[in-house]
Amino acid sequence: TDKNGNPLYVCNISVAVNKGKNNPAEFYNLTAFGDSADFIHKY
């Protein structure tokens, strides 16, 4: 929980990055906590 007693959340995402016509996409697993996690989940 945060300092106000609210639960803290984590958000895991996987992002594909296109590197161009002749290059395969690269994949990244990213993690967000707190407000960033809430924002990603919501929008």
PDB file of all heavy atoms in Angstrom:
ATOM      1  N   THR A   1       0.833  -1.200   0.000  1.00  0.00           N
ATOM      2  CA  THR A   1       0.000   0.000   0.000  1.00  0.00           C
ATOM      3  C   THR A   1       0.866   1.248   0.000  1.00  0.00           C
ATOM      4  O   THR A   1       2.023   1.219   0.419  1.00  0.00           O
ATOM      5  CB  THR A   1      -0.925   0.029   1.240  1.00  0.00           C
ATOM      6  OG1 THR A   1      -0.121  -0.046   2.415  1.00  0.00           O
ATOM      7  CG2 THR A   1      -1.906  -1.132   1.217  1.00  0.00           C
ATOM      8  N   ASP A   2       0.267   2.350  -0.474  1.00  0.00           N
ATOM      9  CA  ASP A   2       0.984   3.627  -0.439  1.00  0.00           C
ATOM     10  C   ASP A   2       0.830   4.250   0.947  1.00  0.00           C
ATOM     11  O   ASP A   2       0.250   3.650   1.851  1.00  0.00           O
ATOM     12  CB  ASP A   2       0.494   4.562  -1.548  1.00  0.00           C
ATOM     13  CG  ASP A   2      -0.963   4.969  -1.399  1.00  0.00           C
ATOM     14  OD1 ASP A   2      -1.574   4.691  -0.346  1.00  0.00           O
ATOM     15  OD2 ASP A   2      -1.492   5.576  -2.352  1.00  0.00           O
ATOM     16  N   LYS A   3       1.333   5.473   1.125  1.00  0.00           N
ATOM     17  CA  LYS A   3       1.304   6.102   2.447  1.00  0.00           C
ATOM     18  C   LYS A   3      -0.109   6.442   2.915  1.00  0.00           C
ATOM     19  O   LYS A   3      -0.339   6.640   4.094  1.00  0.00           O
ATOM     20  CB  LYS A   3       2.202   7.338   2.471  1.00  0.00           C
ATOM     21  CG  LYS A   3       2.023   8.296   1.339  1.00  0.00           C
ATOM     22  CD  LYS A   3       3.107   9.357   1.355  1.00  0.00           C
ATOM     23  CE  LYS A   3       3.232   9.969  -0.032  1.00  0.00           C
ATOM     24  NZ  LYS A   3       4.300  10.905  -0.120  1.00  0.00           N
ATOM     25  N   ASN A   4      -1.080   6.465   1.989  1.00  0.00           N
ATOM     26  CA  ASN A   4      -2.479   6.722   2.359  1.00  0.00           C
ATOM     27  C   ASN A   4      -3.256   5.436   2.605  1.00  0.00           C
ATOM     28  O   ASN A   4      -4.453   5.480   2.860  1.00  0.00           O
ATOM     29  CB  ASN A   4      -3.174   7.540   1.273  1.00  0.00           C
ATOM     30  CG  ASN A   4      -2.552   8.908   1.105  1.00  0.00           C
ATOM     31  OD1 ASN A   4      -2.056   9.490   2.060  1.00  0.00           O
ATOM     32  ND2 ASN A   4      -2.559   9.411  -0.110  1.00  0.00           N
ATOM     33  N   GLY A   5      -2.598   4.289   2.463  1.00  0.00           N
ATOM     34  CA  GLY A   5      -3.261   3.007   2.680  1.00  0.00           C
ATOM     35  C   GLY A   5      -3.944   2.445   1.447  1.00  0.00           C
ATOM     36  O   GLY A   5      -4.603   1.413   1.508  1.00  0.00           O
ATOM     37  N   ASN A   6      -3.795   3.108   0.293  1.00  0.00           N
ATOM     38  CA  ASN A   6      -4.383   2.613  -0.953  1.00  0.00           C
ATOM     39  C   ASN A   6      -3.493   1.527  -1.542  1.00  0.00           C
ATOM     40  O   ASN A   6      -2.264   1.620  -1.463  1.00  0.00           O
ATOM     41  CB  ASN A   6      -4.541   3.751  -1.965  1.00  0.00           C
ATOM     42  CG  ASN A   6      -5.444   4.849  -1.456  1.00  0.00           C
ATOM     43  OD1 ASN A   6      -6.448   4.584  -0.807  1.00  0.00           O
ATOM     44  ND2 ASN A   6      -5.080   6.099  -1.729  1.00  0.00           N
ATOM     45  N   PRO A   7      -4.083   0.501  -2.172  1.00  0.00           N
ATOM     46  CA  PRO A   7      -3.251  -0.560  -2.750  1.00  0.00           C
ATOM     47  C   PRO A   7      -2.421  -0.052  -3.928  1.00  0.00           C
ATOM     48  O   PRO A   7      -2.872   0.786  -4.697  1.00  0.00           O
ATOM     49  CB  PRO A   7      -4.266  -1.607  -3.205  1.00  0.00           C
ATOM     50  CG  PRO A   7      -5.569  -0.911  -3.270  1.00  0.00           C
ATOM     51  CD  PRO A   7      -5.505   0.256  -2.340  1.00  0.00           C
ATOM     52  N   LEU A   8      -1.202  -0.555  -4.034  1.00  0.00           N
ATOM     53  CA  LEU A   8      -0.331  -0.224  -5.161  1.00  0.00           C
ATOM     54  C   LEU A   8      -0.482  -1.289  -6.233  1.00  0.00           C
ATOM     55  O   LEU A   8      -0.591  -2.471  -5.928  1.00  0.00           O
ATOM     56  CB  LEU A   8       1.129  -0.155  -4.714  1.00  0.00           C
ATOM     57  CG  LEU A   8       1.510   1.036  -3.858  1.00  0.00           C
ATOM     58  CD1 LEU A   8       2.951   0.901  -3.399  1.00  0.00           C
ATOM     59  CD2 LEU A   8       1.331   2.332  -4.623  1.00  0.00           C
ATOM     60  N   TYR A   9      -0.459  -0.857  -7.484  1.00  0.00           N
ATOM     61  CA  TYR A   9      -0.640  -1.772  -8.604  1.00  0.00           C
ATOM     62  C   TYR A   9       0.597  -1.797  -9.487  1.00  0.00           C
ATOM     63  O   TYR A   9       1.367  -0.843  -9.533  1.00  0.00           O
ATOM     64  CB  TYR A   9      -1.858  -1.360  -9.437  1.00  0.00           C
ATOM     65  CG  TYR A   9      -3.152  -1.622  -8.718  1.00  0.00           C
ATOM     66  CD1 TYR A   9      -3.714  -0.663  -7.888  1.00  0.00           C
ATOM     67  CD2 TYR A   9      -3.800  -2.840  -8.846  1.00  0.00           C
ATOM     68  CE1 TYR A   9      -4.889  -0.910  -7.213  1.00  0.00           C
ATOM     69  CE2 TYR A   9      -4.980  -3.102  -8.183  1.00  0.00           C
ATOM     70  CZ  TYR A   9      -5.519  -2.128  -7.366  1.00  0.00           C
ATOM     71  OH  TYR A   9      -6.681  -2.385  -6.695  1.00  0.00           O
ATOM     72  N   VAL A  10       0.753  -2.906 -10.197  1.00  0.00           N
ATOM     73  CA  VAL A  10       1.818  -3.069 -11.176  1.00  0.00           C
ATOM     74  C   VAL A  10       1.147  -3.424 -12.500  1.00  0.00           C
ATOM     75  O   VAL A  10       0.123  -4.108 -12.521  1.00  0.00           O
ATOM     76  CB  VAL A  10       2.835  -4.159 -10.748  1.00  0.00           C
ATOM     77  CG1 VAL A  10       2.181  -5.508 -10.620  1.00  0.00           C
ATOM     78  CG2 VAL A  10       4.003  -4.224 -11.716  1.00  0.00           C
ATOM     79  N   CYS A  11       1.719  -2.943 -13.585  1.00  0.00           N
ATOM     80  CA  CYS A  11       1.176  -3.229 -14.910  1.00  0.00           C
ATOM     81  C   CYS A  11       2.326  -3.683 -15.803  1.00  0.00           C
ATOM     82  O   CYS A  11       3.297  -2.954 -15.994  1.00  0.00           O
ATOM     83  CB  CYS A  11       0.497  -1.993 -15.489  1.00  0.00           C
ATOM     84  SG  CYS A  11      -0.396  -2.316 -17.015  1.00  0.00           S
ATOM     85  N   ASN A  12       2.222  -4.904 -16.330  1.00  0.00           N
ATOM     86  CA  ASN A  12       3.228  -5.433 -17.240  1.00  0.00           C
ATOM     87  C   ASN A  12       2.675  -5.379 -18.657  1.00  0.00           C
ATOM     88  O   ASN A  12       1.532  -5.777 -18.898  1.00  0.00           O
ATOM     89  CB  ASN A  12       3.571  -6.882 -16.879  1.00  0.00           C
ATOM     90  CG  ASN A  12       4.229  -6.969 -15.527  1.00  0.00           C
ATOM     91  OD1 ASN A  12       5.255  -6.356 -15.289  1.00  0.00           O
ATOM     92  ND2 ASN A  12       3.625  -7.722 -14.624  1.00  0.00           N
ATOM     93  N   ILE A  13       3.503  -4.876 -19.584  1.00  0.00           N
ATOM     94  CA  ILE A  13       3.097  -4.810 -20.985  1.00  0.00           C
ATOM     95  C   ILE A  13       4.219  -5.347 -21.862  1.00  0.00           C
ATOM     96  O   ILE A  13       5.383  -5.366 -21.462  1.00  0.00           O
ATOM     97  CB  ILE A  13       2.731  -3.374 -21.421  1.00  0.00           C
ATOM     98  CG1 ILE A  13       3.914  -2.413 -21.251  1.00  0.00           C
ATOM     99  CG2 ILE A  13       1.498  -2.879 -20.671  1.00  0.00           C
ATOM    100  CD1 ILE A  13       3.674  -1.030 -21.813  1.00  0.00           C
ATOM    101  N   SER A  14       3.833  -5.779 -23.045  1.00  0.00           N
ATOM    102  CA  SER A  14       4.793  -6.214 -24.047  1.00  0.00           C
ATOM    103  C   SER A  14       4.616  -5.305 -25.260  1.00  0.00           C
ATOM    104  O   SER A  14       3.495  -5.112 -25.738  1.00  0.00           O
ATOM    105  CB  SER A  14       4.532  -7.675 -24.435  1.00  0.00           C
ATOM    106  OG  SER A  14       5.429  -8.068 -25.434  1.00  0.00           O
ATOM    107  N   VAL A  15       5.728  -4.739 -25.740  1.00  0.00           N
ATOM    108  CA  VAL A  15       5.684  -3.779 -26.837  1.00  0.00           C
ATOM    109  C   VAL A  15       6.527  -4.299 -27.998  1.00  0.00           C
ATOM    110  O   VAL A  15       7.668  -4.722 -27.806  1.00  0.00           O
ATOM    111  CB  VAL A  15       6.210  -2.400 -26.377  1.00  0.00           C
ATOM    112  CG1 VAL A  15       6.218  -1.412 -27.525  1.00  0.00           C
ATOM    113  CG2 VAL A  15       5.382  -1.870 -25.224  1.00  0.00           C
ATOM    114  N   ALA A  16       5.935  -4.264 -29.205  1.00  0.00           N
ATOM    115  CA  ALA A  16       6.663  -4.624 -30.423  1.00  0.00           C
ATOM    116  C   ALA A  16       7.130  -3.334 -31.091  1.00  0.00           C
ATOM    117  O   ALA A  16       6.331  -2.427 -31.331  1.00  0.00           O
ATOM    118  CB  ALA A  16       5.764  -5.406 -31.375  1.00  0.00           C
ATOM    119  N   VAL A  17       8.420  -3.266 -31.387  1.00  0.00           N
ATOM    120  CA  VAL A  17       9.002  -2.088 -32.013  1.00  0.00           C
ATOM    121  C   VAL A  17       9.423  -2.460 -33.424  1.00  0.00           C
ATOM    122  O   VAL A  17      10.234  -3.364 -33.628  1.00  0.00           O
ATOM    123  CB  VAL A  17      10.218  -1.580 -31.207  1.00  0.00           C
ATOM    124  CG1 VAL A  17      10.862  -0.389 -31.901  1.00  0.00           C
ATOM    125  CG2 VAL A  17       9.810  -1.234 -29.791  1.00  0.00           C
ATOM    126  N   ASN A  18       8.843  -1.764 -34.410  1.00  0.00           N
ATOM    127  CA  ASN A  18       9.150  -2.012 -35.815  1.00  0.00           C
ATOM    128  C   ASN A  18      10.466  -1.332 -36.156  1.00  0.00           C
ATOM    129  O   ASN A  18      10.620  -0.132 -35.982  1.00  0.00           O
ATOM    130  CB  ASN A  18       8.016  -1.469 -36.685  1.00  0.00           C
ATOM    131  CG  ASN A  18       8.168  -1.869 -38.127  1.00  0.00           C
ATOM    132  OD1 ASN A  18       9.138  -2.495 -38.518  1.00  0.00           O
ATOM    133  ND2 ASN A  18       7.193  -1.498 -38.937  1.00  0.00           N
ATOM    134  N   LYS A  19      11.420  -2.107 -36.657  1.00  0.00           N
ATOM    135  CA  LYS A  19      12.756  -1.578 -36.971  1.00  0.00           C
ATOM    136  C   LYS A  19      12.947  -1.270 -38.451  1.00  0.00           C
ATOM    137  O   LYS A  19      14.040  -0.987 -38.886  1.00  0.00           O
ATOM    138  CB  LYS A  19      13.831  -2.581 -36.521  1.00  0.00           C
ATOM    139  CG  LYS A  19      13.903  -2.734 -35.028  1.00  0.00           C
ATOM    140  CD  LYS A  19      14.435  -1.475 -34.406  1.00  0.00           C
ATOM    141  CE  LYS A  19      14.698  -1.647 -32.946  1.00  0.00           C
ATOM    142  NZ  LYS A  19      15.271  -0.488 -32.335  1.00  0.00           N
ATOM    143  N   GLY A  20      11.899  -1.380 -39.256  1.00  0.00           N
ATOM    144  CA  GLY A  20      12.011  -1.072 -40.674  1.00  0.00           C
ATOM    145  C   GLY A  20      11.616  -2.248 -41.543  1.00  0.00           C
ATOM    146  O   GLY A  20      11.310  -3.337 -41.053  1.00  0.00           O
ATOM    147  N   LYS A  21      11.631  -2.028 -42.854  1.00  0.00           N
ATOM    148  CA  LYS A  21      11.149  -3.039 -43.805  1.00  0.00           C
ATOM    149  C   LYS A  21      11.912  -4.354 -43.736  1.00  0.00           C
ATOM    150  O   LYS A  21      11.329  -5.416 -43.734  1.00  0.00           O
ATOM    151  CB  LYS A  21      11.223  -2.494 -45.224  1.00  0.00           C
ATOM    152  CG  LYS A  21      10.199  -1.455 -45.538  1.00  0.00           C
ATOM    153  CD  LYS A  21      10.299  -1.046 -46.987  1.00  0.00           C
ATOM    154  CE  LYS A  21       9.252  -0.004 -47.315  1.00  0.00           C
ATOM    155  NZ  LYS A  21       9.309   0.400 -48.716  1.00  0.00           N
ATOM    156  N   ASN A  22      13.213  -4.307 -43.731  1.00  0.00           N
ATOM    157  CA  ASN A  22      14.022  -5.523 -43.816  1.00  0.00           C
ATOM    158  C   ASN A  22      14.472  -6.051 -42.456  1.00  0.00           C
ATOM    159  O   ASN A  22      15.198  -7.038 -42.391  1.00  0.00           O
ATOM    160  CB  ASN A  22      15.245  -5.279 -44.698  1.00  0.00           C
ATOM    161  CG  ASN A  22      14.850  -4.941 -46.116  1.00  0.00           C
ATOM    162  OD1 ASN A  22      13.839  -5.442 -46.611  1.00  0.00           O
ATOM    163  ND2 ASN A  22      15.612  -4.098 -46.767  1.00  0.00           N
ATOM    164  N   ASN A  23      14.060  -5.409 -41.384  1.00  0.00           N
ATOM    165  CA  ASN A  23      14.463  -5.832 -40.046  1.00  0.00           C
ATOM    166  C   ASN A  23      13.257  -6.359 -39.279  1.00  0.00           C
ATOM    167  O   ASN A  23      12.184  -5.767 -39.330  1.00  0.00           O
ATOM    168  CB  ASN A  23      15.071  -4.663 -39.264  1.00  0.00           C
ATOM    169  CG  ASN A  23      16.331  -4.141 -39.926  1.00  0.00           C
ATOM    170  OD1 ASN A  23      17.091  -4.900 -40.487  1.00  0.00           O
ATOM    171  ND2 ASN A  23      16.535  -2.847 -39.867  1.00  0.00           N
ATOM    172  N   PRO A  24      13.424  -7.457 -38.586  1.00  0.00           N
ATOM    173  CA  PRO A  24      12.289  -7.975 -37.794  1.00  0.00           C
ATOM    174  C   PRO A  24      12.000  -7.061 -36.602  1.00  0.00           C
ATOM    175  O   PRO A  24      12.877  -6.332 -36.133  1.00  0.00           O
ATOM    176  CB  PRO A  24      12.783  -9.342 -37.321  1.00  0.00           C
ATOM    177  CG  PRO A  24      14.268  -9.245 -37.343  1.00  0.00           C
ATOM    178  CD  PRO A  24      14.615  -8.293 -38.453  1.00  0.00           C
ATOM    179  N   ALA A  25      10.765  -7.126 -36.134  1.00  0.00           N
ATOM    180  CA  ALA A  25      10.380  -6.332 -34.968  1.00  0.00           C
ATOM    181  C   ALA A  25      11.109  -6.847 -33.728  1.00  0.00           C
ATOM    182  O   ALA A  25      11.437  -8.025 -33.627  1.00  0.00           O
ATOM    183  CB  ALA A  25       8.870  -6.406 -34.758  1.00  0.00           C
ATOM    184  N   GLU A  26      11.363  -5.944 -32.799  1.00  0.00           N
ATOM    185  CA  GLU A  26      11.940  -6.322 -31.510  1.00  0.00           C
ATOM    186  C   GLU A  26      10.846  -6.200 -30.465  1.00  0.00           C
ATOM    187  O   GLU A  26       9.988  -5.323 -30.550  1.00  0.00           O
ATOM    188  CB  GLU A  26      13.111  -5.407 -31.163  1.00  0.00           C
ATOM    189  CG  GLU A  26      14.316  -5.613 -32.051  1.00  0.00           C
ATOM    190  CD  GLU A  26      15.489  -4.747 -31.637  1.00  0.00           C
ATOM    191  OE1 GLU A  26      15.429  -4.084 -30.578  1.00  0.00           O
ATOM    192  OE2 GLU A  26      16.477  -4.727 -32.384  1.00  0.00           O
ATOM    193  N   PHE A  27      10.893  -7.070 -29.471  1.00  0.00           N
ATOM    194  CA  PHE A  27       9.867  -7.100 -28.437  1.00  0.00           C
ATOM    195  C   PHE A  27      10.483  -6.762 -27.089  1.00  0.00           C
ATOM    196  O   PHE A  27      11.557  -7.263 -26.751  1.00  0.00           O
ATOM    197  CB  PHE A  27       9.199  -8.476 -28.385  1.00  0.00           C
ATOM    198  CG  PHE A  27       8.484  -8.815 -29.660  1.00  0.00           C
ATOM    199  CD1 PHE A  27       9.150  -9.450 -30.696  1.00  0.00           C
ATOM    200  CD2 PHE A  27       7.150  -8.487 -29.824  1.00  0.00           C
ATOM    201  CE1 PHE A  27       8.507  -9.754 -31.876  1.00  0.00           C
ATOM    202  CE2 PHE A  27       6.485  -8.787 -30.993  1.00  0.00           C
ATOM    203  CZ  PHE A  27       7.171  -9.423 -32.032  1.00  0.00           C
ATOM    204  N   TYR A  28       9.786  -5.923 -26.332  1.00  0.00           N
ATOM    205  CA  TYR A  28      10.255  -5.516 -25.018  1.00  0.00           C
ATOM    206  C   TYR A  28       9.146  -5.745 -23.995  1.00  0.00           C
ATOM    207  O   TYR A  28       7.982  -5.410 -24.234  1.00  0.00           O
ATOM    208  CB  TYR A  28      10.636  -4.027 -25.011  1.00  0.00           C
ATOM    209  CG  TYR A  28      11.785  -3.710 -25.923  1.00  0.00           C
ATOM    210  CD1 TYR A  28      11.566  -3.317 -27.237  1.00  0.00           C
ATOM    211  CD2 TYR A  28      13.093  -3.825 -25.481  1.00  0.00           C
ATOM    212  CE1 TYR A  28      12.622  -3.035 -28.085  1.00  0.00           C
ATOM    213  CE2 TYR A  28      14.154  -3.544 -26.318  1.00  0.00           C
ATOM    214  CZ  TYR A  28      13.917  -3.147 -27.618  1.00  0.00           C
ATOM    215  OH  TYR A  28      14.965  -2.883 -28.454  1.00  0.00           O
ATOM    216  N   ASN A  29       9.513  -6.313 -22.850  1.00  0.00           N
ATOM    217  CA  ASN A  29       8.591  -6.465 -21.733  1.00  0.00           C
ATOM    218  C   ASN A  29       8.888  -5.337 -20.755  1.00  0.00           C
ATOM    219  O   ASN A  29      10.007  -5.214 -20.261  1.00  0.00           O
ATOM    220  CB  ASN A  29       8.766  -7.825 -21.057  1.00  0.00           C
ATOM    221  CG  ASN A  29       8.371  -8.952 -21.979  1.00  0.00           C
ATOM    222  OD1 ASN A  29       7.385  -8.860 -22.693  1.00  0.00           O
ATOM    223  ND2 ASN A  29       9.148 -10.010 -21.971  1.00  0.00           N
ATOM    224  N   LEU A  30       7.877  -4.503 -20.510  1.00  0.00           N
ATOM    225  CA  LEU A  30       8.032  -3.325 -19.672  1.00  0.00           C
ATOM    226  C   LEU A  30       7.139  -3.436 -18.441  1.00  0.00           C
ATOM    227  O   LEU A  30       6.086  -4.073 -18.492  1.00  0.00           O
ATOM    228  CB  LEU A  30       7.650  -2.063 -20.444  1.00  0.00           C
ATOM    229  CG  LEU A  30       8.249  -1.888 -21.843  1.00  0.00           C
ATOM    230  CD1 LEU A  30       7.688  -0.638 -22.500  1.00  0.00           C
ATOM    231  CD2 LEU A  30       9.757  -1.826 -21.785  1.00  0.00           C
ATOM    232  N   THR A  31       7.545  -2.785 -17.357  1.00  0.00           N
ATOM    233  CA  THR A  31       6.779  -2.812 -16.113  1.00  0.00           C
ATOM    234  C   THR A  31       6.567  -1.394 -15.616  1.00  0.00           C
ATOM    235  O   THR A  31       7.502  -0.595 -15.593  1.00  0.00           O
ATOM    236  CB  THR A  31       7.537  -3.625 -15.038  1.00  0.00           C
ATOM    237  OG1 THR A  31       7.781  -4.938 -15.538  1.00  0.00           O
ATOM    238  CG2 THR A  31       6.731  -3.721 -13.761  1.00  0.00           C
ATOM    239  N   ALA A  32       5.321  -1.111 -15.199  1.00  0.00           N
ATOM    240  CA  ALA A  32       4.983   0.187 -14.629  1.00  0.00           C
ATOM    241  C   ALA A  32       4.391  -0.022 -13.241  1.00  0.00           C
ATOM    242  O   ALA A  32       3.722  -1.023 -12.992  1.00  0.00           O
ATOM    243  CB  ALA A  32       3.988   0.918 -15.516  1.00  0.00           C
ATOM    244  N   PHE A  33       4.638   0.923 -12.351  1.00  0.00           N
ATOM    245  CA  PHE A  33       4.114   0.865 -10.992  1.00  0.00           C
ATOM    246  C   PHE A  33       3.297   2.111 -10.704  1.00  0.00           C
ATOM    247  O   PHE A  33       3.476   3.150 -11.335  1.00  0.00           O
ATOM    248  CB  PHE A  33       5.265   0.776  -9.981  1.00  0.00           C
ATOM    249  CG  PHE A  33       6.076  -0.479 -10.086  1.00  0.00           C
ATOM    250  CD1 PHE A  33       7.241  -0.509 -10.832  1.00  0.00           C
ATOM    251  CD2 PHE A  33       5.664  -1.639  -9.461  1.00  0.00           C
ATOM    252  CE1 PHE A  33       7.992  -1.662 -10.941  1.00  0.00           C
ATOM    253  CE2 PHE A  33       6.404  -2.797  -9.558  1.00  0.00           C
ATOM    254  CZ  PHE A  33       7.574  -2.812 -10.300  1.00  0.00           C
ATOM    255  N   GLY A  34       2.411   2.033  -9.721  1.00  0.00           N
ATOM    256  CA  GLY A  34       1.671   3.192  -9.216  1.00  0.00           C
ATOM    257  C   GLY A  34       0.831   3.885 -10.261  1.00  0.00           C
ATOM    258  O   GLY A  34       0.041   3.257 -10.964  1.00  0.00           O
ATOM    259  N   ASP A  35       0.994   5.224 -10.356  1.00  0.00           N
ATOM    260  CA  ASP A  35       0.168   6.031 -11.255  1.00  0.00           C
ATOM    261  C   ASP A  35       0.366   5.649 -12.717  1.00  0.00           C
ATOM    262  O   ASP A  35      -0.590   5.652 -13.497  1.00  0.00           O
ATOM    263  CB  ASP A  35       0.482   7.522 -11.072  1.00  0.00           C
ATOM    264  CG  ASP A  35       0.030   8.048  -9.721  1.00  0.00           C
ATOM    265  OD1 ASP A  35      -0.861   7.418  -9.105  1.00  0.00           O
ATOM    266  OD2 ASP A  35       0.574   9.081  -9.271  1.00  0.00           O
ATOM    267  N   SER A  36       1.589   5.320 -13.105  1.00  0.00           N
ATOM    268  CA  SER A  36       1.841   4.902 -14.495  1.00  0.00           C
ATOM    269  C   SER A  36       1.102   3.606 -14.805  1.00  0.00           C
ATOM    270  O   SER A  36       0.537   3.451 -15.886  1.00  0.00           O
ATOM    271  CB  SER A  36       3.335   4.721 -14.744  1.00  0.00           C
ATOM    272  OG  SER A  36       4.011   5.936 -14.634  1.00  0.00           O
ATOM    273  N   ALA A  37       1.087   2.670 -13.856  1.00  0.00           N
ATOM    274  CA  ALA A  37       0.366   1.407 -14.040  1.00  0.00           C
ATOM    275  C   ALA A  37      -1.122   1.663 -14.190  1.00  0.00           C
ATOM    276  O   ALA A  37      -1.780   1.094 -15.071  1.00  0.00           O
ATOM    277  CB  ALA A  37       0.633   0.470 -12.868  1.00  0.00           C
ATOM    278  N   ASP A  38      -1.673   2.536 -13.340  1.00  0.00           N
ATOM    279  CA  ASP A  38      -3.091   2.873 -13.414  1.00  0.00           C
ATOM    280  C   ASP A  38      -3.427   3.512 -14.763  1.00  0.00           C
ATOM    281  O   ASP A  38      -4.436   3.184 -15.386  1.00  0.00           O
ATOM    282  CB  ASP A  38      -3.476   3.850 -12.296  1.00  0.00           C
ATOM    283  CG  ASP A  38      -3.306   3.260 -10.906  1.00  0.00           C
ATOM    284  OD1 ASP A  38      -3.310   2.010 -10.776  1.00  0.00           O
ATOM    285  OD2 ASP A  38      -3.159   4.041  -9.951  1.00  0.00           O
ATOM    286  N   PHE A  39      -2.579   4.421 -15.218  1.00  0.00           N
ATOM    287  CA  PHE A  39      -2.790   5.126 -16.482  1.00  0.00           C
ATOM    288  C   PHE A  39      -2.801   4.161 -17.664  1.00  0.00           C
ATOM    289  O   PHE A  39      -3.680   4.218 -18.517  1.00  0.00           O
ATOM    290  CB  PHE A  39      -1.699   6.195 -16.656  1.00  0.00           C
ATOM    291  CG  PHE A  39      -1.847   7.034 -17.880  1.00  0.00           C
ATOM    292  CD1 PHE A  39      -2.796   8.045 -17.932  1.00  0.00           C
ATOM    293  CD2 PHE A  39      -1.035   6.820 -18.978  1.00  0.00           C
ATOM    294  CE1 PHE A  39      -2.932   8.825 -19.063  1.00  0.00           C
ATOM    295  CE2 PHE A  39      -1.159   7.597 -20.111  1.00  0.00           C
ATOM    296  CZ  PHE A  39      -2.111   8.612 -20.160  1.00  0.00           C
ATOM    297  N   ILE A  40      -1.817   3.265 -17.699  1.00  0.00           N
ATOM    298  CA  ILE A  40      -1.737   2.296 -18.803  1.00  0.00           C
ATOM    299  C   ILE A  40      -2.962   1.389 -18.796  1.00  0.00           C
ATOM    300  O   ILE A  40      -3.580   1.150 -19.836  1.00  0.00           O
ATOM    301  CB  ILE A  40      -0.446   1.466 -18.713  1.00  0.00           C
ATOM    302  CG1 ILE A  40       0.764   2.352 -18.987  1.00  0.00           C
ATOM    303  CG2 ILE A  40      -0.478   0.293 -19.686  1.00  0.00           C
ATOM    304  CD1 ILE A  40       2.096   1.708 -18.662  1.00  0.00           C
ATOM    305  N   HIS A  41      -3.322   0.886 -17.619  1.00  0.00           N
ATOM    306  CA  HIS A  41      -4.480  -0.002 -17.521  1.00  0.00           C
ATOM    307  C   HIS A  41      -5.760   0.688 -17.993  1.00  0.00           C
ATOM    308  O   HIS A  41      -6.587   0.087 -18.670  1.00  0.00           O
ATOM    309  CB  HIS A  41      -4.648  -0.475 -16.081  1.00  0.00           C
ATOM    310  CG  HIS A  41      -5.920  -1.208 -15.834  1.00  0.00           C
ATOM    311  ND1 HIS A  41      -6.163  -2.459 -16.342  1.00  0.00           N
ATOM    312  CD2 HIS A  41      -7.037  -0.863 -15.158  1.00  0.00           C
ATOM    313  CE1 HIS A  41      -7.380  -2.852 -15.982  1.00  0.00           C
ATOM    314  NE2 HIS A  41      -7.918  -1.894 -15.261  1.00  0.00           N
ATOM    315  N   LYS A  42      -5.897   1.952 -17.650  1.00  0.00           N
ATOM    316  CA  LYS A  42      -7.128   2.679 -17.958  1.00  0.00           C
ATOM    317  C   LYS A  42      -7.231   3.084 -19.425  1.00  0.00           C
ATOM    318  O   LYS A  42      -8.313   3.049 -20.009  1.00  0.00           O
ATOM    319  CB  LYS A  42      -7.216   3.920 -17.063  1.00  0.00           C
ATOM    320  CG  LYS A  42      -8.513   4.654 -17.157  1.00  0.00           C
ATOM    321  CD  LYS A  42      -8.586   5.759 -16.120  1.00  0.00           C
ATOM    322  CE  LYS A  42      -9.929   6.470 -16.181  1.00  0.00           C
ATOM    323  NZ  LYS A  42     -10.028   7.544 -15.195  1.00  0.00           N
ATOM    324  N   TYR A  43      -6.115   3.458 -20.053  1.00  0.00           N
ATOM    325  CA  TYR A  43      -6.184   4.076 -21.372  1.00  0.00           C
ATOM    326  C   TYR A  43      -5.552   3.300 -22.529  1.00  0.00           C
ATOM    327  O   TYR A  43      -5.705   3.691 -23.677  1.00  0.00           O
ATOM    328  CB  TYR A  43      -5.552   5.470 -21.321  1.00  0.00           C
ATOM    329  CG  TYR A  43      -6.311   6.417 -20.438  1.00  0.00           C
ATOM    330  CD1 TYR A  43      -5.792   6.810 -19.219  1.00  0.00           C
ATOM    331  CD2 TYR A  43      -7.558   6.891 -20.813  1.00  0.00           C
ATOM    332  CE1 TYR A  43      -6.485   7.674 -18.389  1.00  0.00           C
ATOM    333  CE2 TYR A  43      -8.267   7.748 -19.991  1.00  0.00           C
ATOM    334  CZ  TYR A  43      -7.728   8.140 -18.783  1.00  0.00           C
ATOM    335  OH  TYR A  43      -8.431   8.983 -17.963  1.00  0.00           O
TER     336      TYR A  43
END
